[in-house]
PDB file of N, CA and C in Angstrom:
ATOM      1  N   MET A   1      92.894 101.045  95.266  1.00  0.00           N
ATOM      2  CA  MET A   1      91.955 102.124  95.038  1.00  0.00           C
ATOM      3  C   MET A   1      90.544 101.559  95.078  1.00  0.00           C
ATOM      4  N   THR A   2      89.692 102.219  95.795  1.00  0.00           N
ATOM      5  CA  THR A   2      88.277 101.891  95.725  1.00  0.00           C
ATOM      6  C   THR A   2      87.561 103.077  95.090  1.00  0.00           C
ATOM      7  N   VAL A   3      86.476 102.798  94.431  1.00  0.00           N
ATOM      8  CA  VAL A   3      85.752 103.861  93.745  1.00  0.00           C
ATOM      9  C   VAL A   3      85.248 104.902  94.740  1.00  0.00           C
ATOM     10  N   ALA A   4      84.845 104.470  95.925  1.00  0.00           N
ATOM     11  CA  ALA A   4      84.306 105.395  96.922  1.00  0.00           C
ATOM     12  C   ALA A   4      85.365 106.359  97.459  1.00  0.00           C
ATOM     13  N   HIS A   5      86.631 105.970  97.414  1.00  0.00           N
ATOM     14  CA  HIS A   5      87.691 106.796  97.993  1.00  0.00           C
ATOM     15  C   HIS A   5      88.789 107.081  96.974  1.00  0.00           C
ATOM     16  N   ARG A   6      88.413 107.230  95.721  1.00  0.00           N
ATOM     17  CA  ARG A   6      89.402 107.423  94.658  1.00  0.00           C
ATOM     18  C   ARG A   6      90.217 108.697  94.844  1.00  0.00           C
ATOM     19  N   HIS A   7      89.649 109.703  95.483  1.00  0.00           N
ATOM     20  CA  HIS A   7      90.344 110.972  95.690  1.00  0.00           C
ATOM     21  C   HIS A   7      91.430 110.874  96.766  1.00  0.00           C
ATOM     22  N   ARG A   8      91.472 109.776  97.507  1.00  0.00           N
ATOM     23  CA  ARG A   8      92.475 109.581  98.567  1.00  0.00           C
ATOM     24  C   ARG A   8      93.519 108.530  98.202  1.00  0.00           C
ATOM     25  N   ALA A   9      93.474 108.025  96.993  1.00  0.00           N
ATOM     26  CA  ALA A   9      94.374 106.947  96.590  1.00  0.00           C
ATOM     27  C   ALA A   9      95.364 107.467  95.546  1.00  0.00           C
ATOM     28  N   PRO A  10      96.579 107.849  95.971  1.00  0.00           N
ATOM     29  CA  PRO A  10      97.543 108.408  95.023  1.00  0.00           C
ATOM     30  C   PRO A  10      97.816 107.505  93.811  1.00  0.00           C
ATOM     31  N   SER A  11      97.908 106.216  94.028  1.00  0.00           N
ATOM     32  CA  SER A  11      98.182 105.338  92.885  1.00  0.00           C
ATOM     33  C   SER A  11      97.003 105.341  91.908  1.00  0.00           C
ATOM     34  N   GLY A  12      95.789 105.381  92.422  1.00  0.00           N
ATOM     35  CA  GLY A  12      94.618 105.456  91.560  1.00  0.00           C
ATOM     36  C   GLY A  12      94.541 106.778  90.816  1.00  0.00           C
ATOM     37  N   LEU A  13      94.918 107.858  91.501  1.00  0.00           N
ATOM     38  CA  LEU A  13      94.938 109.163  90.843  1.00  0.00           C
ATOM     39  C   LEU A  13      95.981 109.198  89.730  1.00  0.00           C
ATOM     40  N   ARG A  14      97.151 108.586  89.980  1.00  0.00           N
ATOM     41  CA  ARG A  14      98.195 108.539  88.944  1.00  0.00           C
ATOM     42  C   ARG A  14      97.736 107.710  87.747  1.00  0.00           C
ATOM     43  N   TRP A  15      97.093 106.562  88.029  1.00  0.00           N
ATOM     44  CA  TRP A  15      96.589 105.707  86.949  1.00  0.00           C
ATOM     45  C   TRP A  15      95.573 106.487  86.113  1.00  0.00           C
ATOM     46  N   SER A  16      94.645 107.159  86.799  1.00  0.00           N
ATOM     47  CA  SER A  16      93.620 107.931  86.100  1.00  0.00           C
ATOM     48  C   SER A  16      94.227 109.074  85.295  1.00  0.00           C
ATOM     49  N   GLU A  17      95.225 109.727  85.844  1.00  0.00           N
ATOM     50  CA  GLU A  17      95.903 110.816  85.127  1.00  0.00           C
ATOM     51  C   GLU A  17      96.555 110.293  83.851  1.00  0.00           C
ATOM     52  N   THR A  18      97.169 109.124  83.925  1.00  0.00           N
ATOM     53  CA  THR A  18      97.785 108.514  82.746  1.00  0.00           C
ATOM     54  C   THR A  18      96.722 108.161  81.705  1.00  0.00           C
ATOM     55  N   VAL A  19      95.638 107.572  82.143  1.00  0.00           N
ATOM     56  CA  VAL A  19      94.551 107.220  81.223  1.00  0.00           C
ATOM     57  C   VAL A  19      93.982 108.478  80.582  1.00  0.00           C
ATOM     58  N   LEU A  20      93.794 109.542  81.357  1.00  0.00           N
ATOM     59  CA  LEU A  20      93.275 110.791  80.802  1.00  0.00           C
ATOM     60  C   LEU A  20      94.225 111.386  79.771  1.00  0.00           C
ATOM     61  N   ALA A  21      95.520 111.277  80.011  1.00  0.00           N
ATOM     62  CA  ALA A  21      96.494 111.770  79.030  1.00  0.00           C
ATOM     63  C   ALA A  21      96.384 110.990  77.724  1.00  0.00           C
ATOM     64  N   ILE A  22      96.237 109.686  77.823  1.00  0.00           N
ATOM     65  CA  ILE A  22      96.103 108.845  76.627  1.00  0.00           C
ATOM     66  C   ILE A  22      94.808 109.182  75.890  1.00  0.00           C
ATOM     67  N   LEU A  23      93.713 109.318  76.631  1.00  0.00           N
ATOM     68  CA  LEU A  23      92.443 109.668  76.016  1.00  0.00           C
ATOM     69  C   LEU A  23      92.522 111.025  75.318  1.00  0.00           C
ATOM     70  N   THR A  24      93.158 111.995  75.980  1.00  0.00           N
ATOM     71  CA  THR A  24      93.295 113.331  75.404  1.00  0.00           C
ATOM     72  C   THR A  24      94.120 113.275  74.119  1.00  0.00           C
ATOM     73  N   GLU A  25      95.214 112.539  74.149  1.00  0.00           N
ATOM     74  CA  GLU A  25      96.055 112.392  72.959  1.00  0.00           C
ATOM     75  C   GLU A  25      95.283 111.738  71.810  1.00  0.00           C
ATOM     76  N   ALA A  26      94.323 110.875  72.156  1.00  0.00           N
ATOM     77  CA  ALA A  26      93.504 110.208  71.149  1.00  0.00           C
ATOM     78  C   ALA A  26      92.332 111.082  70.684  1.00  0.00           C
ATOM     79  N   GLY A  27      92.234 112.293  71.235  1.00  0.00           N
ATOM     80  CA  GLY A  27      91.180 113.206  70.803  1.00  0.00           C
ATOM     81  C   GLY A  27      89.898 113.125  71.600  1.00  0.00           C
ATOM     82  N   VAL A  28      89.925 112.414  72.717  1.00  0.00           N
ATOM     83  CA  VAL A  28      88.739 112.296  73.569  1.00  0.00           C
ATOM     84  C   VAL A  28      88.829 113.395  74.627  1.00  0.00           C
ATOM     85  N   THR A  29      87.889 114.322  74.594  1.00  0.00           N
ATOM     86  CA  THR A  29      87.939 115.457  75.510  1.00  0.00           C
ATOM     87  C   THR A  29      86.554 115.731  76.096  1.00  0.00           C
ATOM     88  N   GLY A  30      86.508 116.679  77.006  1.00  0.00           N
ATOM     89  CA  GLY A  30      85.246 117.142  77.574  1.00  0.00           C
ATOM     90  C   GLY A  30      84.452 116.038  78.256  1.00  0.00           C
ATOM     91  N   GLU A  31      83.145 116.092  78.086  1.00  0.00           N
ATOM     92  CA  GLU A  31      82.274 115.134  78.751  1.00  0.00           C
ATOM     93  C   GLU A  31      82.508 113.709  78.254  1.00  0.00           C
ATOM     94  N   ARG A  32      82.883 113.571  76.996  1.00  0.00           N
ATOM     95  CA  ARG A  32      83.161 112.221  76.479  1.00  0.00           C
ATOM     96  C   ARG A  32      84.356 111.606  77.215  1.00  0.00           C
ATOM     97  N   ARG A  33      85.338 112.434  77.569  1.00  0.00           N
ATOM     98  CA  ARG A  33      86.490 111.939  78.326  1.00  0.00           C
ATOM     99  C   ARG A  33      86.072 111.525  79.729  1.00  0.00           C
ATOM    100  N   VAL A  34      85.160 112.271  80.340  1.00  0.00           N
ATOM    101  CA  VAL A  34      84.626 111.898  81.658  1.00  0.00           C
ATOM    102  C   VAL A  34      83.989 110.518  81.577  1.00  0.00           C
ATOM    103  N   ILE A  35      83.147 110.331  80.586  1.00  0.00           N
ATOM    104  CA  ILE A  35      82.430 109.067  80.420  1.00  0.00           C
ATOM    105  C   ILE A  35      83.398 107.935  80.105  1.00  0.00           C
ATOM    106  N   ALA A  36      84.399 108.214  79.275  1.00  0.00           N
ATOM    107  CA  ALA A  36      85.392 107.195  78.926  1.00  0.00           C
ATOM    108  C   ALA A  36      86.177 106.749  80.162  1.00  0.00           C
ATOM    109  N   LEU A  37      86.625 107.712  80.972  1.00  0.00           N
ATOM    110  CA  LEU A  37      87.385 107.353  82.176  1.00  0.00           C
ATOM    111  C   LEU A  37      86.524 106.536  83.124  1.00  0.00           C
ATOM    112  N   ARG A  38      85.299 106.961  83.348  1.00  0.00           N
ATOM    113  CA  ARG A  38      84.425 106.212  84.267  1.00  0.00           C
ATOM    114  C   ARG A  38      84.138 104.821  83.728  1.00  0.00           C
ATOM    115  N   GLY A  39      83.988 104.713  82.428  1.00  0.00           N
ATOM    116  CA  GLY A  39      83.783 103.399  81.829  1.00  0.00           C
ATOM    117  C   GLY A  39      84.983 102.490  82.029  1.00  0.00           C
ATOM    118  N   LEU A  40      86.167 103.041  81.840  1.00  0.00           N
ATOM    119  CA  LEU A  40      87.384 102.235  82.027  1.00  0.00           C
ATOM    120  C   LEU A  40      87.596 101.863  83.488  1.00  0.00           C
ATOM    121  N   VAL A  41      87.392 102.820  84.398  1.00  0.00           N
ATOM    122  CA  VAL A  41      87.522 102.521  85.829  1.00  0.00           C
ATOM    123  C   VAL A  41      86.506 101.455  86.227  1.00  0.00           C
ATOM    124  N   GLY A  42      85.282 101.592  85.750  1.00  0.00           N
ATOM    125  CA  GLY A  42      84.247 100.603  86.057  1.00  0.00           C
ATOM    126  C   GLY A  42      84.592  99.231  85.501  1.00  0.00           C
ATOM    127  N   TYR A  43      85.137  99.203  84.297  1.00  0.00           N
ATOM    128  CA  TYR A  43      85.504  97.927  83.699  1.00  0.00           C
ATOM    129  C   TYR A  43      86.620  97.246  84.501  1.00  0.00           C
ATOM    130  N   VAL A  44      87.666  97.983  84.796  1.00  0.00           N
ATOM    131  CA  VAL A  44      88.794  97.404  85.535  1.00  0.00           C
ATOM    132  C   VAL A  44      88.347  96.941  86.918  1.00  0.00           C
ATOM    133  N   THR A  45      87.601  97.775  87.623  1.00  0.00           N
ATOM    134  CA  THR A  45      87.121  97.411  88.958  1.00  0.00           C
ATOM    135  C   THR A  45      86.235  96.167  88.891  1.00  0.00           C
ATOM    136  N   GLY A  46      85.318  96.159  87.959  1.00  0.00           N
ATOM    137  CA  GLY A  46      84.421  95.011  87.810  1.00  0.00           C
ATOM    138  C   GLY A  46      85.152  93.744  87.415  1.00  0.00           C
ATOM    139  N   ALA A  47      86.121  93.868  86.517  1.00  0.00           N
ATOM    140  CA  ALA A  47      86.883  92.694  86.086  1.00  0.00           C
ATOM    141  C   ALA A  47      87.663  92.079  87.247  1.00  0.00           C
ATOM    142  N   ILE A  48      88.237  92.927  88.076  1.00  0.00           N
ATOM    143  CA  ILE A  48      88.969  92.434  89.247  1.00  0.00           C
ATOM    144  C   ILE A  48      88.023  91.723  90.206  1.00  0.00           C
ATOM    145  N   GLN A  49      86.866  92.321  90.451  1.00  0.00           N
ATOM    146  CA  GLN A  49      85.889  91.692  91.342  1.00  0.00           C
ATOM    147  C   GLN A  49      85.408  90.362  90.780  1.00  0.00           C
ATOM    148  N   LEU A  50      85.104  90.328  89.502  1.00  0.00           N
ATOM    149  CA  LEU A  50      84.637  89.078  88.896  1.00  0.00           C
ATOM    150  C   LEU A  50      85.691  87.986  88.970  1.00  0.00           C
ATOM    151  N   GLU A  51      86.942  88.364  88.735  1.00  0.00           N
ATOM    152  CA  GLU A  51      88.016  87.368  88.776  1.00  0.00           C
ATOM    153  C   GLU A  51      88.137  86.740  90.159  1.00  0.00           C
ATOM    154  N   HIS A  52      87.940  87.543  91.190  1.00  0.00           N
ATOM    155  CA  HIS A  52      88.111  87.034  92.550  1.00  0.00           C
ATOM    156  C   HIS A  52      86.834  86.449  93.144  1.00  0.00           C
ATOM    157  N   LEU A  53      85.694  87.017  92.807  1.00  0.00           N
ATOM    158  CA  LEU A  53      84.446  86.581  93.434  1.00  0.00           C
ATOM    159  C   LEU A  53      83.641  85.607  92.585  1.00  0.00           C
ATOM    160  N   GLY A  54      83.862  85.592  91.290  1.00  0.00           N
ATOM    161  CA  GLY A  54      83.091  84.710  90.413  1.00  0.00           C
ATOM    162  C   GLY A  54      83.905  84.242  89.235  1.00  0.00           C
ATOM    163  N   PRO A  55      85.019  83.555  89.480  1.00  0.00           N
ATOM    164  CA  PRO A  55      85.890  83.152  88.379  1.00  0.00           C
ATOM    165  C   PRO A  55      85.186  82.179  87.427  1.00  0.00           C
ATOM    166  N   LEU A  56      85.520  82.269  86.153  1.00  0.00           N
ATOM    167  CA  LEU A  56      84.920  81.380  85.160  1.00  0.00           C
ATOM    168  C   LEU A  56      85.225  79.917  85.446  1.00  0.00           C
ATOM    169  N   ALA A  57      86.345  79.649  86.094  1.00  0.00           N
ATOM    170  CA  ALA A  57      86.707  78.271  86.422  1.00  0.00           C
ATOM    171  C   ALA A  57      86.056  77.804  87.719  1.00  0.00           C
ATOM    172  N   GLY A  58      85.188  78.619  88.292  1.00  0.00           N
ATOM    173  CA  GLY A  58      84.587  78.278  89.577  1.00  0.00           C
ATOM    174  C   GLY A  58      83.331  77.442  89.465  1.00  0.00           C
ATOM    175  N   ASP A  59      82.817  77.073  90.631  1.00  0.00           N
ATOM    176  CA  ASP A  59      81.610  76.251  90.723  1.00  0.00           C
ATOM    177  C   ASP A  59      80.387  76.936  90.115  1.00  0.00           C
ATOM    178  N   GLY A  60      80.353  78.259  90.187  1.00  0.00           N
ATOM    179  CA  GLY A  60      79.207  78.990  89.657  1.00  0.00           C
ATOM    180  C   GLY A  60      79.009  78.752  88.169  1.00  0.00           C
ATOM    181  N   THR A  61      80.099  78.677  87.431  1.00  0.00           N
ATOM    182  CA  THR A  61      80.007  78.429  85.992  1.00  0.00           C
ATOM    183  C   THR A  61      79.417  77.052  85.726  1.00  0.00           C
ATOM    184  N   ASP A  62      79.866  76.054  86.504  1.00  0.00           N
ATOM    185  CA  ASP A  62      79.308  74.702  86.342  1.00  0.00           C
ATOM    186  C   ASP A  62      77.814  74.679  86.660  1.00  0.00           C
ATOM    187  N   THR A  63      77.427  75.399  87.697  1.00  0.00           N
ATOM    188  CA  THR A  63      76.018  75.455  88.083  1.00  0.00           C
ATOM    189  C   THR A  63      75.184  76.113  86.987  1.00  0.00           C
ATOM    190  N   ILE A  64      75.670  77.198  86.438  1.00  0.00           N
ATOM    191  CA  ILE A  64      74.940  77.886  85.374  1.00  0.00           C
ATOM    192  C   ILE A  64      74.887  77.023  84.116  1.00  0.00           C
ATOM    193  N   ALA A  65      75.979  76.341  83.797  1.00  0.00           N
ATOM    194  CA  ALA A  65      76.005  75.465  82.616  1.00  0.00           C
ATOM    195  C   ALA A  65      74.973  74.343  82.729  1.00  0.00           C
ATOM    196  N   ALA A  66      74.654  73.942  83.955  1.00  0.00           N
ATOM    197  CA  ALA A  66      73.703  72.849  84.172  1.00  0.00           C
ATOM    198  C   ALA A  66      72.250  73.326  84.276  1.00  0.00           C
ATOM    199  N   LEU A  67      72.010  74.611  84.141  1.00  0.00           N
ATOM    200  CA  LEU A  67      70.633  75.114  84.197  1.00  0.00           C
ATOM    201  C   LEU A  67      69.804  74.503  83.069  1.00  0.00           C
ATOM    202  N   PRO A  68      68.506  74.374  83.256  1.00  0.00           N
ATOM    203  CA  PRO A  68      67.647  73.814  82.207  1.00  0.00           C
ATOM    204  C   PRO A  68      67.697  74.699  80.953  1.00  0.00           C
ATOM    205  N   GLU A  69      68.064  74.086  79.835  1.00  0.00           N
ATOM    206  CA  GLU A  69      68.199  74.845  78.588  1.00  0.00           C
ATOM    207  C   GLU A  69      66.876  75.454  78.134  1.00  0.00           C
ATOM    208  N   ALA A  70      65.768  74.814  78.452  1.00  0.00           N
ATOM    209  CA  ALA A  70      64.470  75.355  78.051  1.00  0.00           C
ATOM    210  C   ALA A  70      64.184  76.691  78.735  1.00  0.00           C
ATOM    211  N   GLU A  71      64.694  76.846  79.945  1.00  0.00           N
ATOM    212  CA  GLU A  71      64.439  78.060  80.713  1.00  0.00           C
ATOM    213  C   GLU A  71      65.549  79.101  80.557  1.00  0.00           C
ATOM    214  N   PHE A  72      66.795  78.642  80.450  1.00  0.00           N
ATOM    215  CA  PHE A  72      67.952  79.527  80.363  1.00  0.00           C
ATOM    216  C   PHE A  72      68.861  79.115  79.198  1.00  0.00           C
ATOM    217  N   PRO A  73      68.369  79.191  77.967  1.00  0.00           N
ATOM    218  CA  PRO A  73      69.170  78.696  76.841  1.00  0.00           C
ATOM    219  C   PRO A  73      70.474  79.455  76.647  1.00  0.00           C
ATOM    220  N   TYR A  74      70.441  80.763  76.805  1.00  0.00           N
ATOM    221  CA  TYR A  74      71.646  81.555  76.569  1.00  0.00           C
ATOM    222  C   TYR A  74      72.637  81.460  77.724  1.00  0.00           C
ATOM    223  N   MET A  75      72.121  81.498  78.942  1.00  0.00           N
ATOM    224  CA  MET A  75      73.011  81.392  80.103  1.00  0.00           C
ATOM    225  C   MET A  75      73.718  80.044  80.131  1.00  0.00           C
ATOM    226  N   SER A  76      72.985  78.963  79.926  1.00  0.00           N
ATOM    227  CA  SER A  76      73.605  77.643  80.007  1.00  0.00           C
ATOM    228  C   SER A  76      74.621  77.444  78.879  1.00  0.00           C
ATOM    229  N   GLU A  77      74.284  77.866  77.674  1.00  0.00           N
ATOM    230  CA  GLU A  77      75.218  77.717  76.551  1.00  0.00           C
ATOM    231  C   GLU A  77      76.464  78.575  76.759  1.00  0.00           C
ATOM    232  N   THR A  78      76.268  79.799  77.217  1.00  0.00           N
ATOM    233  CA  THR A  78      77.394  80.699  77.438  1.00  0.00           C
ATOM    234  C   THR A  78      78.295  80.188  78.553  1.00  0.00           C
ATOM    235  N   ALA A  79      77.723  79.644  79.600  1.00  0.00           N
ATOM    236  CA  ALA A  79      78.527  79.090  80.692  1.00  0.00           C
ATOM    237  C   ALA A  79      79.353  77.906  80.210  1.00  0.00           C
ATOM    238  N   ARG A  80      78.794  77.087  79.346  1.00  0.00           N
ATOM    239  CA  ARG A  80      79.572  75.961  78.809  1.00  0.00           C
ATOM    240  C   ARG A  80      80.754  76.476  77.990  1.00  0.00           C
ATOM    241  N   ALA A  81      80.545  77.526  77.227  1.00  0.00           N
ATOM    242  CA  ALA A  81      81.633  78.116  76.442  1.00  0.00           C
ATOM    243  C   ALA A  81      82.654  78.810  77.348  1.00  0.00           C
ATOM    244  N   ALA A  82      82.205  79.311  78.498  1.00  0.00           N
ATOM    245  CA  ALA A  82      83.080  80.049  79.410  1.00  0.00           C
ATOM    246  C   ALA A  82      84.184  79.179  80.001  1.00  0.00           C
ATOM    247  N   ARG A  83      83.966  77.903  80.044  1.00  0.00           N
ATOM    248  CA  ARG A  83      84.968  77.010  80.653  1.00  0.00           C
ATOM    249  C   ARG A  83      86.317  77.108  79.962  1.00  0.00           C
ATOM    250  N   GLY A  84      86.337  77.489  78.693  1.00  0.00           N
ATOM    251  CA  GLY A  84      87.594  77.582  77.952  1.00  0.00           C
ATOM    252  C   GLY A  84      88.208  78.962  77.926  1.00  0.00           C
ATOM    253  N   VAL A  85      87.634  79.909  78.663  1.00  0.00           N
ATOM    254  CA  VAL A  85      88.131  81.288  78.650  1.00  0.00           C
ATOM    255  C   VAL A  85      88.899  81.563  79.936  1.00  0.00           C
ATOM    256  N   THR A  86      90.160  81.950  79.789  1.00  0.00           N
ATOM    257  CA  THR A  86      90.969  82.288  80.969  1.00  0.00           C
ATOM    258  C   THR A  86      90.608  83.691  81.454  1.00  0.00           C
ATOM    259  N   ALA A  87      90.949  83.968  82.694  1.00  0.00           N
ATOM    260  CA  ALA A  87      90.702  85.298  83.251  1.00  0.00           C
ATOM    261  C   ALA A  87      91.471  86.355  82.466  1.00  0.00           C
ATOM    262  N   GLU A  88      92.688  86.029  82.072  1.00  0.00           N
ATOM    263  CA  GLU A  88      93.507  86.976  81.314  1.00  0.00           C
ATOM    264  C   GLU A  88      92.867  87.292  79.969  1.00  0.00           C
ATOM    265  N   ARG A  89      92.372  86.272  79.299  1.00  0.00           N
ATOM    266  CA  ARG A  89      91.730  86.471  77.998  1.00  0.00           C
ATOM    267  C   ARG A  89      90.428  87.249  78.148  1.00  0.00           C
ATOM    268  N   ALA A  90      89.640  86.918  79.152  1.00  0.00           N
ATOM    269  CA  ALA A  90      88.387  87.636  79.383  1.00  0.00           C
ATOM    270  C   ALA A  90      88.664  89.119  79.612  1.00  0.00           C
ATOM    271  N   PHE A  91      89.696  89.415  80.393  1.00  0.00           N
ATOM    272  CA  PHE A  91      90.024  90.811  80.673  1.00  0.00           C
ATOM    273  C   PHE A  91      90.518  91.519  79.419  1.00  0.00           C
ATOM    274  N   SER A  92      91.511  90.964  78.750  1.00  0.00           N
ATOM    275  CA  SER A  92      92.121  91.672  77.624  1.00  0.00           C
ATOM    276  C   SER A  92      91.172  91.815  76.442  1.00  0.00           C
ATOM    277  N   GLU A  93      90.414  90.766  76.134  1.00  0.00           N
ATOM    278  CA  GLU A  93      89.487  90.871  75.005  1.00  0.00           C
ATOM    279  C   GLU A  93      88.278  91.746  75.350  1.00  0.00           C
ATOM    280  N   GLY A  94      87.865  91.725  76.606  1.00  0.00           N
ATOM    281  CA  GLY A  94      86.798  92.629  77.039  1.00  0.00           C
ATOM    282  C   GLY A  94      87.256  94.078  76.967  1.00  0.00           C
ATOM    283  N   LEU A  95      88.499  94.320  77.372  1.00  0.00           N
ATOM    284  CA  LEU A  95      89.051  95.673  77.287  1.00  0.00           C
ATOM    285  C   LEU A  95      89.161  96.107  75.833  1.00  0.00           C
ATOM    286  N   ASP A  96      89.560  95.203  74.958  1.00  0.00           N
ATOM    287  CA  ASP A  96      89.609  95.520  73.527  1.00  0.00           C
ATOM    288  C   ASP A  96      88.244  95.974  73.020  1.00  0.00           C
ATOM    289  N   LEU A  97      87.185  95.270  73.431  1.00  0.00           N
ATOM    290  CA  LEU A  97      85.829  95.646  73.016  1.00  0.00           C
ATOM    291  C   LEU A  97      85.452  97.033  73.540  1.00  0.00           C
ATOM    292  N   LEU A  98      85.792  97.298  74.795  1.00  0.00           N
ATOM    293  CA  LEU A  98      85.485  98.591  75.381  1.00  0.00           C
ATOM    294  C   LEU A  98      86.242  99.701  74.652  1.00  0.00           C
ATOM    295  N   LEU A  99      87.522  99.488  74.394  1.00  0.00           N
ATOM    296  CA  LEU A  99      88.323 100.499  73.708  1.00  0.00           C
ATOM    297  C   LEU A  99      87.837 100.723  72.278  1.00  0.00           C
ATOM    298  N   ALA A 100      87.417  99.667  71.613  1.00  0.00           N
ATOM    299  CA  ALA A 100      86.872  99.818  70.258  1.00  0.00           C
ATOM    300  C   ALA A 100      85.627 100.692  70.292  1.00  0.00           C
ATOM    301  N   GLY A 101      84.826 100.522  71.313  1.00  0.00           N
ATOM    302  CA  GLY A 101      83.638 101.356  71.463  1.00  0.00           C
ATOM    303  C   GLY A 101      83.990 102.813  71.709  1.00  0.00           C
ATOM    304  N   LEU A 102      85.052 103.047  72.463  1.00  0.00           N
ATOM    305  CA  LEU A 102      85.476 104.421  72.737  1.00  0.00           C
ATOM    306  C   LEU A 102      85.970 105.113  71.472  1.00  0.00           C
ATOM    307  N   THR A 103      86.559 104.354  70.570  1.00  0.00           N
ATOM    308  CA  THR A 103      87.114 104.952  69.368  1.00  0.00           C
ATOM    309  C   THR A 103      86.096 105.083  68.253  1.00  0.00           C
ATOM    310  N   ALA A 104      84.939 104.457  68.405  1.00  0.00           N
ATOM    311  CA  ALA A 104      83.896 104.586  67.390  1.00  0.00           C
ATOM    312  C   ALA A 104      83.395 106.028  67.389  1.00  0.00           C
ATOM    313  N   SER A 105      83.306 106.592  66.223  1.00  0.00           N
ATOM    314  CA  SER A 105      82.849 107.992  66.173  1.00  0.00           C
ATOM    315  C   SER A 105      81.333 108.024  66.290  1.00  0.00           C
ATOM    316  N   ARG A 106      80.869 109.009  67.004  1.00  0.00           N
ATOM    317  CA  ARG A 106      79.434 109.180  67.207  1.00  0.00           C
ATOM    318  C   ARG A 106      79.201 110.682  67.229  1.00  0.00           C
ATOM    319  N   PRO A 107      78.195 111.158  66.508  1.00  0.00           N
ATOM    320  CA  PRO A 107      77.923 112.603  66.533  1.00  0.00           C
ATOM    321  C   PRO A 107      77.735 113.112  67.954  1.00  0.00           C
ATOM    322  N   SER A 108      78.169 114.297  68.217  1.00  0.00           N
ATOM    323  CA  SER A 108      78.046 114.891  69.546  1.00  0.00           C
ATOM    324  C   SER A 108      76.598 114.889  70.003  1.00  0.00           C
ATOM    325  N   GLY A 109      76.388 114.417  71.203  1.00  0.00           N
ATOM    326  CA  GLY A 109      75.049 114.385  71.774  1.00  0.00           C
ATOM    327  C   GLY A 109      74.244 113.157  71.425  1.00  0.00           C
ATOM    328  N   ALA A 110      74.738 112.329  70.484  1.00  0.00           N
ATOM    329  CA  ALA A 110      74.005 111.125  70.105  1.00  0.00           C
ATOM    330  C   ALA A 110      74.114 110.100  71.206  1.00  0.00           C
ATOM    331  N   ARG A 111      73.046 109.382  71.428  1.00  0.00           N
ATOM    332  CA  ARG A 111      73.026 108.348  72.464  1.00  0.00           C
ATOM    333  C   ARG A 111      73.047 106.992  71.807  1.00  0.00           C
ATOM    334  N   SER A 112      73.773 106.065  72.419  1.00  0.00           N
ATOM    335  CA  SER A 112      73.751 104.691  71.918  1.00  0.00           C
ATOM    336  C   SER A 112      72.512 104.006  72.443  1.00  0.00           C
ATOM    337  N   VAL A 113      72.140 102.948  71.774  1.00  0.00           N
ATOM    338  CA  VAL A 113      70.937 102.215  72.163  1.00  0.00           C
ATOM    339  C   VAL A 113      71.313 101.001  72.971  1.00  0.00           C
TER     340      VAL A 113
END
């Protein structure tokens, strides 16, 4: 399934239908359900792309870890920590964070910062 042609991908439509059923059962409806589904589709699509195009075990992580700390303190430190994170862990724990955000209650119409 690609995001541009999601309406032509039966497997993607089935996956989305299942996710929507789960969201509905959890009490997520209306526009919030639209946003939740798009967030999940975006997360899964992005995670797959990152795993294949920019894996944490790749050369890019080593390059970022070697950046000058004075100029890129957070990027270099985070890249050094990334060496110990598997793709599976990055995906599952990232998904946990996203799902926790979906379940956080927020008054209708309130925007996050």
